[in-house]
């Protein structure tokens, strides 16, 4: 029997992060490009719902979250770090951070 595919769920925090990244890109590139980047970031997490990969080993371990209870992993897309964790029923996108910004904003 195959592995159960879990749905990707964006937390409120991650959605707010995506809004901030979009505003950051809006200033740099304009509305069309900022919207394309935001859409690409959302779509880049679709791979986590695939049965082809082992989601618990797919992204790199996110060292910024090692002090927390769960294992957090990260994906990189369009200068952004997307941090996620695998739950019992879903895969949670917990943070999105544009790596061109000051790292202190990723707290």
Protein backbone atom coordinates (compact mmCIF):
# COMPACT_ATOMS: atom_id res chain seq x y z
CA UNK A 1 0.00 0.00 0.00
CA UNK A 2 1.36 3.45 -0.95
CA UNK A 3 2.18 6.27 1.41
CA UNK A 4 -0.67 8.64 2.24
CA UNK A 5 -0.27 11.99 0.54
CA UNK A 6 -0.70 14.89 2.95
CA UNK A 7 -2.13 18.27 1.99
CA UNK A 8 -0.06 21.42 2.21
CA UNK A 9 -1.55 23.99 4.59
CA UNK A 10 -0.24 27.54 4.83
CA UNK A 11 -0.34 28.90 8.39
CA UNK A 12 -1.53 32.45 9.05
CA UNK A 13 2.06 33.42 9.83
CA UNK A 14 3.34 32.04 6.52
CA UNK A 15 0.56 33.82 4.63
CA UNK A 16 1.50 37.11 6.31
CA UNK A 17 5.14 36.44 5.47
CA UNK A 18 4.16 35.93 1.83
CA UNK A 19 2.35 39.28 1.87
CA UNK A 20 5.50 40.97 3.22
CA UNK A 21 7.66 39.30 0.57
CA UNK A 22 5.20 40.40 -2.11
CA UNK A 23 5.33 44.01 -0.87
CA UNK A 24 9.13 43.82 -0.83
CA UNK A 25 9.14 42.55 -4.43
CA UNK A 26 6.54 45.14 -5.44
CA UNK A 27 9.02 47.90 -4.57
CA UNK A 28 11.82 46.16 -6.44
CA UNK A 29 10.07 44.86 -9.56
CA UNK A 30 6.54 46.24 -9.85
CA UNK A 31 3.11 44.62 -9.56
CA UNK A 32 3.28 42.05 -12.38
CA UNK A 33 6.61 40.55 -11.35
CA UNK A 34 5.72 40.62 -7.63
CA UNK A 35 2.51 38.69 -8.35
CA UNK A 36 4.39 36.14 -10.47
CA UNK A 37 6.92 35.58 -7.70
CA UNK A 38 4.17 35.16 -5.07
CA UNK A 39 2.33 32.68 -7.30
CA UNK A 40 5.56 30.77 -7.93
CA UNK A 41 6.26 30.58 -4.20
CA UNK A 42 2.81 29.10 -3.56
CA UNK A 43 3.21 26.61 -6.40
CA UNK A 44 6.72 25.60 -5.33
CA UNK A 45 5.24 23.88 -2.27
CA UNK A 46 3.07 21.61 -4.45
CA UNK A 47 6.00 19.17 -4.70
CA UNK A 48 5.45 18.38 -1.01
CA UNK A 49 2.13 16.74 -1.92
CA UNK A 50 3.82 14.37 -4.37
CA UNK A 51 4.05 10.65 -3.78
CA UNK A 52 7.35 10.65 -5.68
CA UNK A 53 9.37 12.22 -2.85
CA UNK A 54 9.86 11.45 0.83
CA UNK A 55 8.61 14.72 2.30
CA UNK A 56 10.35 14.10 5.63
CA UNK A 57 13.71 14.16 3.84
CA UNK A 58 13.08 16.42 0.84
CA UNK A 59 14.19 19.87 1.98
CA UNK A 60 17.24 20.67 4.05
CA UNK A 61 16.89 20.86 7.82
CA UNK A 62 16.27 24.50 8.77
CA UNK A 63 18.91 25.30 11.39
CA UNK A 64 17.02 28.38 12.58
CA UNK A 65 14.32 26.08 13.99
CA UNK A 66 16.46 23.41 15.67
CA UNK A 67 15.50 24.62 19.15
CA UNK A 68 11.81 23.82 18.56
CA UNK A 69 9.93 20.59 19.26
CA UNK A 70 9.27 19.54 15.65
CA UNK A 71 11.62 18.94 12.74
CA UNK A 72 11.53 21.86 10.32
CA UNK A 73 12.82 21.71 6.77
CA UNK A 74 13.25 24.37 4.12
CA UNK A 75 12.81 24.85 0.41
CA UNK A 76 14.47 27.64 -1.56
CA UNK A 77 12.58 29.41 -4.34
CA UNK A 78 13.01 32.90 -5.86
CA UNK A 79 15.43 34.15 -3.20
CA UNK A 80 13.02 32.91 -0.54
CA UNK A 81 13.31 30.31 2.17
CA UNK A 82 10.07 28.41 2.75
CA UNK A 83 10.06 26.58 6.09
CA UNK A 84 7.71 23.66 6.64
CA UNK A 85 7.04 20.82 9.02
CA UNK A 86 5.27 17.52 8.52
CA UNK A 87 2.31 16.95 10.83
CA UNK A 88 0.15 13.87 11.32
CA UNK A 89 -2.42 14.89 8.73
CA UNK A 90 -0.92 17.86 6.86
CA UNK A 91 2.29 19.52 5.83
CA UNK A 92 2.44 22.98 7.35
CA UNK A 93 4.15 25.91 5.66
CA UNK A 94 5.16 27.93 8.71
CA UNK A 95 7.41 30.74 7.42
CA UNK A 96 8.43 32.43 4.19
CA UNK A 97 11.46 34.71 4.20
CA UNK A 98 13.15 36.65 1.40
CA UNK A 99 16.84 35.95 1.95
CA UNK A 100 17.80 39.38 0.59
CA UNK A 101 16.27 40.99 3.67
CA UNK A 102 17.88 41.45 7.07
CA UNK A 103 17.96 38.06 8.87
CA UNK A 104 16.61 39.68 12.05
CA UNK A 105 13.28 40.04 10.22
CA UNK A 106 12.99 36.23 10.13
CA UNK A 107 12.00 36.01 13.81
